[in-house]
Protein backbone atom coordinates (compact mmCIF):
# COMPACT_ATOMS: atom_id res chain seq x y z
CA UNK A 1 -1.04 9.19 -4.62
CA UNK A 2 -4.15 7.18 -3.86
CA UNK A 3 -6.01 6.11 -0.74
CA UNK A 4 -7.10 2.68 0.36
CA UNK A 5 -7.90 0.54 3.37
CA UNK A 6 -5.69 -2.35 4.48
CA UNK A 7 -7.85 -5.47 4.51
CA UNK A 8 -5.30 -8.22 5.02
CA UNK A 9 -1.74 -9.47 4.88
CA UNK A 10 0.19 -11.74 2.53
CA UNK A 11 2.78 -14.20 3.79
CA UNK A 12 5.20 -15.40 1.13
CA UNK A 13 8.00 -17.67 2.25
CA UNK A 14 9.52 -17.60 -1.25
CA UNK A 15 9.81 -14.24 -2.95
CA UNK A 16 12.26 -12.00 -4.77
CA UNK A 17 15.39 -11.52 -2.66
CA UNK A 18 14.81 -7.75 -2.60
CA UNK A 19 11.47 -8.26 -0.85
CA UNK A 20 12.86 -10.28 2.05
CA UNK A 21 11.96 -8.46 5.25
CA UNK A 22 9.19 -6.43 3.61
CA UNK A 23 5.62 -6.56 4.90
CA UNK A 24 3.05 -7.17 2.16
CA UNK A 25 -0.47 -5.84 2.76
CA UNK A 26 -3.70 -6.35 0.83
CA UNK A 27 -5.05 -2.88 0.13
CA UNK A 28 -8.58 -2.07 -1.02
CA UNK A 29 -8.58 1.11 -3.13
CA UNK A 30 -11.28 3.57 -2.09
CA UNK A 31 -12.59 7.01 -2.89
CA UNK A 32 -12.45 9.99 -0.54
CA UNK A 33 -15.82 9.18 1.05
CA UNK A 34 -14.78 5.63 1.91
CA UNK A 35 -16.47 3.69 -0.89
CA UNK A 36 -14.52 0.77 -2.36
CA UNK A 37 -13.33 1.10 -5.96
CA UNK A 38 -11.44 -1.30 -8.20
CA UNK A 39 -9.98 -4.60 -7.04
CA UNK A 40 -7.72 -5.05 -3.99
CA UNK A 41 -3.98 -5.03 -4.61
CA UNK A 42 -0.86 -6.11 -2.75
CA UNK A 43 1.37 -3.26 -1.60
CA UNK A 44 4.73 -3.18 0.17
CA UNK A 45 4.35 -1.40 3.51
CA UNK A 46 6.97 1.28 4.18
CA UNK A 47 5.34 2.97 7.19
CA UNK A 48 4.16 0.25 9.59
CA UNK A 49 0.49 0.20 8.60
CA UNK A 50 -1.90 -2.44 9.88
CA UNK A 51 -5.18 -4.11 8.98
CA UNK A 52 -8.12 -1.69 9.14
CA UNK A 53 -6.08 1.46 8.63
CA UNK A 54 -6.69 3.92 5.82
CA UNK A 55 -3.45 4.48 3.93
CA UNK A 56 -1.89 6.53 1.15
CA UNK A 57 -0.23 4.41 -1.53
CA UNK A 58 1.55 4.92 -4.81
CA UNK A 59 1.61 2.68 -7.86
CA UNK A 60 3.61 2.26 -11.01
CA UNK A 61 7.12 3.47 -11.68
CA UNK A 62 7.35 5.55 -8.47
CA UNK A 63 6.55 2.64 -6.13
CA UNK A 64 10.11 1.20 -6.03
CA UNK A 65 11.44 4.62 -4.92
CA UNK A 66 9.28 4.44 -1.78
CA UNK A 67 10.83 1.09 -0.84
CA UNK A 68 14.32 2.61 -1.20
CA UNK A 69 15.80 -0.49 -2.78
CA UNK A 70 16.71 -0.40 -6.43
CA UNK A 71 15.91 -3.17 -8.83
CA UNK A 72 13.12 -4.90 -6.94
CA UNK A 73 9.73 -5.68 -8.48
CA UNK A 74 7.24 -3.40 -6.72
CA UNK A 75 3.98 -2.19 -8.32
CA UNK A 76 2.47 -0.57 -5.22
CA UNK A 77 3.87 0.85 -1.97
CA UNK A 78 2.14 2.22 1.11
CA UNK A 79 3.71 5.58 1.95
CA UNK A 80 1.43 7.05 4.62
CA UNK A 81 -1.25 6.37 7.21
CA UNK A 82 -4.30 8.65 7.05
CA UNK A 83 -5.42 10.26 10.30
CA UNK A 84 -8.32 12.28 8.90
CA UNK A 85 -9.88 13.30 5.60
CA UNK A 86 -11.71 16.66 5.37
CA UNK A 87 -13.79 17.36 2.27
CA UNK A 88 -14.93 20.94 1.71
CA UNK A 89 -17.93 20.57 -0.54
């Protein structure tokens, strides 16, 4: 699992039939101190996240499991909304 910040939404009137009804969010990957890393990605929202929220997301072969629909093309899925991060350094 990874963390990121939702920075926008994607509206797609034409998309794979399995994605109809899914909310697509632009997610900026970040490290645990809040610094951006890598390029933003588009993730399917499974928890009702919104712009500005810090989220937990998964990528790769486990992402379609979070969406709970088989056979749809999903590379990233938001699976949690972060309330707080505590680092014990």
